[in-house]
N, C-alpha and C. Protein backbone atom coordinates (compact mmCIF):
# COMPACT_ATOMS: atom_id res chain seq x y z
N MET A 1 -87.96 -56.04 -41.49
CA MET A 1 -86.54 -55.99 -41.69
C MET A 1 -86.17 -56.49 -43.07
N SER A 2 -87.05 -57.20 -43.72
CA SER A 2 -86.75 -57.73 -45.04
C SER A 2 -86.64 -56.63 -46.08
N GLN A 3 -87.14 -55.43 -45.78
CA GLN A 3 -87.04 -54.35 -46.75
C GLN A 3 -85.59 -53.91 -46.97
N PHE A 4 -84.67 -54.30 -46.10
CA PHE A 4 -83.29 -53.89 -46.22
C PHE A 4 -82.40 -54.97 -46.83
N THR A 5 -82.95 -56.14 -47.10
CA THR A 5 -82.11 -57.22 -47.63
C THR A 5 -82.19 -57.24 -49.15
N LYS A 6 -81.20 -57.85 -49.79
CA LYS A 6 -81.15 -57.92 -51.25
C LYS A 6 -81.77 -59.24 -51.71
N LYS A 7 -82.61 -59.18 -52.72
CA LYS A 7 -83.15 -60.33 -53.41
C LYS A 7 -83.79 -61.36 -52.48
N GLY A 8 -84.38 -60.90 -51.40
CA GLY A 8 -85.08 -61.78 -50.50
C GLY A 8 -84.19 -62.68 -49.66
N GLN A 9 -82.89 -62.43 -49.67
CA GLN A 9 -81.97 -63.24 -48.88
C GLN A 9 -82.05 -62.83 -47.42
N PRO A 10 -81.85 -63.77 -46.52
CA PRO A 10 -81.83 -63.39 -45.10
C PRO A 10 -80.63 -62.50 -44.81
N PRO A 11 -80.77 -61.58 -43.91
CA PRO A 11 -79.66 -60.67 -43.62
C PRO A 11 -78.44 -61.42 -43.10
N SER A 12 -77.28 -61.06 -43.63
CA SER A 12 -76.05 -61.71 -43.19
C SER A 12 -75.23 -60.78 -42.30
N HIS A 13 -75.84 -59.73 -41.85
CA HIS A 13 -75.14 -58.73 -41.03
C HIS A 13 -75.51 -58.88 -39.57
N LYS A 14 -74.78 -58.19 -38.77
CA LYS A 14 -75.08 -58.18 -37.34
C LYS A 14 -75.41 -56.76 -36.88
N THR A 15 -75.72 -55.88 -37.83
CA THR A 15 -76.08 -54.51 -37.49
C THR A 15 -77.50 -54.51 -36.94
N PRO A 16 -77.69 -54.04 -35.72
CA PRO A 16 -79.03 -54.02 -35.13
C PRO A 16 -80.00 -53.15 -35.93
N PHE A 17 -81.24 -53.58 -35.99
CA PHE A 17 -82.26 -52.85 -36.72
C PHE A 17 -82.39 -51.42 -36.21
N GLU A 18 -82.25 -51.21 -34.90
CA GLU A 18 -82.35 -49.87 -34.32
C GLU A 18 -81.26 -48.95 -34.87
N LYS A 19 -80.06 -49.49 -35.05
CA LYS A 19 -78.95 -48.70 -35.57
C LYS A 19 -79.19 -48.35 -37.04
N ILE A 20 -79.77 -49.28 -37.78
CA ILE A 20 -80.10 -49.01 -39.18
C ILE A 20 -81.12 -47.89 -39.26
N GLU A 21 -82.14 -47.95 -38.43
CA GLU A 21 -83.16 -46.90 -38.41
C GLU A 21 -82.55 -45.55 -38.02
N GLN A 22 -81.62 -45.56 -37.06
CA GLN A 22 -80.94 -44.33 -36.65
C GLN A 22 -80.16 -43.74 -37.83
N CYS A 23 -79.47 -44.60 -38.56
CA CYS A 23 -78.71 -44.15 -39.73
C CYS A 23 -79.62 -43.57 -40.79
N ARG A 24 -80.74 -44.21 -41.01
CA ARG A 24 -81.69 -43.72 -42.00
C ARG A 24 -82.25 -42.35 -41.59
N GLN A 25 -82.49 -42.16 -40.30
CA GLN A 25 -82.99 -40.87 -39.83
C GLN A 25 -81.92 -39.79 -40.01
N MET A 26 -80.67 -40.12 -39.70
CA MET A 26 -79.60 -39.13 -39.86
C MET A 26 -79.43 -38.75 -41.34
N ARG A 27 -79.58 -39.73 -42.23
CA ARG A 27 -79.47 -39.44 -43.67
C ARG A 27 -80.62 -38.54 -44.10
N THR A 28 -81.82 -38.81 -43.59
CA THR A 28 -82.98 -37.97 -43.89
C THR A 28 -82.75 -36.54 -43.39
N ASP A 29 -82.02 -36.41 -42.29
CA ASP A 29 -81.71 -35.09 -41.73
C ASP A 29 -80.62 -34.37 -42.51
N GLY A 30 -80.03 -35.03 -43.52
CA GLY A 30 -79.06 -34.36 -44.38
C GLY A 30 -77.61 -34.67 -44.10
N MET A 31 -77.32 -35.67 -43.29
CA MET A 31 -75.92 -35.99 -42.98
C MET A 31 -75.30 -36.83 -44.10
N THR A 32 -74.00 -36.72 -44.26
CA THR A 32 -73.28 -37.50 -45.26
C THR A 32 -73.03 -38.92 -44.75
N TYR A 33 -72.69 -39.82 -45.68
CA TYR A 33 -72.39 -41.20 -45.30
C TYR A 33 -71.24 -41.24 -44.28
N ALA A 34 -70.19 -40.47 -44.54
CA ALA A 34 -69.01 -40.48 -43.67
C ALA A 34 -69.36 -40.01 -42.26
N HIS A 35 -70.16 -38.97 -42.17
CA HIS A 35 -70.53 -38.42 -40.86
C HIS A 35 -71.40 -39.42 -40.09
N ILE A 36 -72.34 -40.04 -40.79
CA ILE A 36 -73.20 -41.04 -40.15
C ILE A 36 -72.37 -42.21 -39.64
N ALA A 37 -71.44 -42.68 -40.48
CA ALA A 37 -70.60 -43.82 -40.10
C ALA A 37 -69.78 -43.50 -38.85
N GLN A 38 -69.28 -42.28 -38.79
CA GLN A 38 -68.47 -41.87 -37.63
C GLN A 38 -69.32 -41.84 -36.36
N ILE A 39 -70.52 -41.31 -36.45
CA ILE A 39 -71.39 -41.21 -35.28
C ILE A 39 -71.89 -42.59 -34.84
N ALA A 40 -72.26 -43.42 -35.80
CA ALA A 40 -72.85 -44.72 -35.49
C ALA A 40 -71.81 -45.80 -35.21
N HIS A 41 -70.55 -45.49 -35.44
CA HIS A 41 -69.46 -46.45 -35.23
C HIS A 41 -69.62 -47.70 -36.09
N ILE A 42 -69.98 -47.48 -37.35
CA ILE A 42 -70.06 -48.57 -38.32
C ILE A 42 -69.38 -48.11 -39.60
N GLY A 43 -69.14 -49.02 -40.50
CA GLY A 43 -68.46 -48.69 -41.74
C GLY A 43 -69.31 -47.84 -42.67
N GLU A 44 -68.63 -47.02 -43.46
CA GLU A 44 -69.33 -46.17 -44.41
C GLU A 44 -70.09 -47.02 -45.44
N SER A 45 -69.53 -48.15 -45.83
CA SER A 45 -70.22 -49.01 -46.80
C SER A 45 -71.50 -49.58 -46.20
N THR A 46 -71.51 -49.83 -44.90
CA THR A 46 -72.72 -50.31 -44.24
C THR A 46 -73.79 -49.23 -44.24
N VAL A 47 -73.37 -48.00 -43.99
CA VAL A 47 -74.32 -46.87 -44.03
C VAL A 47 -74.90 -46.74 -45.43
N LYS A 48 -74.05 -46.81 -46.45
CA LYS A 48 -74.52 -46.71 -47.84
C LYS A 48 -75.51 -47.81 -48.17
N ARG A 49 -75.24 -49.02 -47.70
CA ARG A 49 -76.10 -50.16 -48.01
C ARG A 49 -77.54 -49.91 -47.55
N TYR A 50 -77.69 -49.31 -46.39
CA TYR A 50 -79.02 -49.16 -45.83
C TYR A 50 -79.66 -47.79 -46.04
N THR A 51 -78.91 -46.85 -46.60
CA THR A 51 -79.48 -45.51 -46.78
C THR A 51 -79.37 -45.00 -48.21
N LYS A 52 -78.94 -45.84 -49.14
CA LYS A 52 -78.73 -45.35 -50.51
C LYS A 52 -80.01 -44.91 -51.19
N ASP A 53 -81.16 -45.34 -50.71
CA ASP A 53 -82.42 -44.91 -51.31
C ASP A 53 -82.89 -43.55 -50.80
N ILE A 54 -82.17 -42.99 -49.86
CA ILE A 54 -82.53 -41.68 -49.30
C ILE A 54 -81.60 -40.62 -49.90
N PRO A 55 -82.14 -39.69 -50.68
CA PRO A 55 -81.28 -38.66 -51.28
C PRO A 55 -80.76 -37.68 -50.22
N LEU A 56 -79.56 -37.18 -50.47
CA LEU A 56 -78.98 -36.19 -49.57
C LEU A 56 -79.56 -34.83 -49.91
N VAL A 57 -80.18 -34.22 -48.94
CA VAL A 57 -80.74 -32.89 -49.11
C VAL A 57 -79.83 -31.93 -48.37
N GLN A 58 -79.15 -31.08 -49.12
CA GLN A 58 -78.24 -30.12 -48.49
C GLN A 58 -79.07 -29.05 -47.80
N LYS A 59 -78.85 -28.93 -46.52
CA LYS A 59 -79.52 -27.88 -45.76
C LYS A 59 -78.68 -26.61 -45.85
N LYS A 60 -79.34 -25.49 -45.80
CA LYS A 60 -78.65 -24.21 -45.87
C LYS A 60 -77.79 -24.05 -44.62
N PRO A 61 -76.49 -23.79 -44.80
CA PRO A 61 -75.62 -23.65 -43.62
C PRO A 61 -75.98 -22.39 -42.82
N LEU A 62 -75.80 -22.49 -41.55
CA LEU A 62 -76.05 -21.35 -40.69
C LEU A 62 -74.94 -20.32 -40.86
N PRO A 63 -75.28 -19.04 -40.82
CA PRO A 63 -74.24 -18.03 -40.95
C PRO A 63 -73.26 -18.10 -39.79
N THR A 64 -72.00 -17.84 -40.09
CA THR A 64 -70.99 -17.91 -39.04
C THR A 64 -71.03 -16.67 -38.15
N ASN A 65 -71.45 -15.57 -38.70
CA ASN A 65 -71.52 -14.33 -37.95
C ASN A 65 -72.83 -13.64 -38.30
N ARG A 66 -73.72 -13.55 -37.36
CA ARG A 66 -75.04 -13.00 -37.63
C ARG A 66 -74.97 -11.54 -38.09
N VAL A 67 -74.12 -10.74 -37.50
CA VAL A 67 -74.01 -9.33 -37.89
C VAL A 67 -73.56 -9.22 -39.34
N THR A 68 -72.57 -10.01 -39.72
CA THR A 68 -72.07 -9.99 -41.10
C THR A 68 -73.17 -10.39 -42.07
N SER A 69 -73.95 -11.41 -41.72
CA SER A 69 -75.00 -11.85 -42.62
C SER A 69 -76.11 -10.81 -42.73
N LEU A 70 -76.40 -10.11 -41.63
CA LEU A 70 -77.42 -9.07 -41.69
C LEU A 70 -76.94 -7.88 -42.51
N LEU A 71 -75.69 -7.51 -42.36
CA LEU A 71 -75.14 -6.41 -43.13
C LEU A 71 -75.08 -6.75 -44.62
N ALA A 72 -74.80 -7.99 -44.93
CA ALA A 72 -74.73 -8.41 -46.33
C ALA A 72 -76.11 -8.36 -46.99
N ALA A 73 -77.16 -8.46 -46.20
CA ALA A 73 -78.51 -8.47 -46.74
C ALA A 73 -78.97 -7.06 -47.14
N TRP A 74 -78.40 -6.01 -46.54
CA TRP A 74 -78.81 -4.66 -46.84
C TRP A 74 -77.76 -3.97 -47.71
N PRO A 75 -78.22 -3.33 -48.76
CA PRO A 75 -77.27 -2.61 -49.62
C PRO A 75 -76.70 -1.39 -48.88
N VAL A 76 -75.47 -1.12 -49.16
CA VAL A 76 -74.79 0.01 -48.53
C VAL A 76 -74.86 1.20 -49.49
N ALA A 77 -75.35 2.34 -48.98
CA ALA A 77 -75.44 3.55 -49.81
C ALA A 77 -74.05 4.15 -49.97
N GLN A 78 -73.74 4.49 -51.22
CA GLN A 78 -72.41 5.08 -51.47
C GLN A 78 -72.53 6.48 -51.98
């Protein structure tokens, strides 16, 4: 747990280690700080404190309409 504290100071928070790990996993999965905070019911600054070393990897959004995305992939003969 000391890997999450600053300058070797004992943690002054009451956030459970399991919740911190959950937040870190959600950040690894590509979620934003705000979304993680909402799901975990903790402050956004708390999420940032424990996940700032994990870069946000934007995942490709799923198409809203599969037919439209398939049609867009094929050129239309004119």
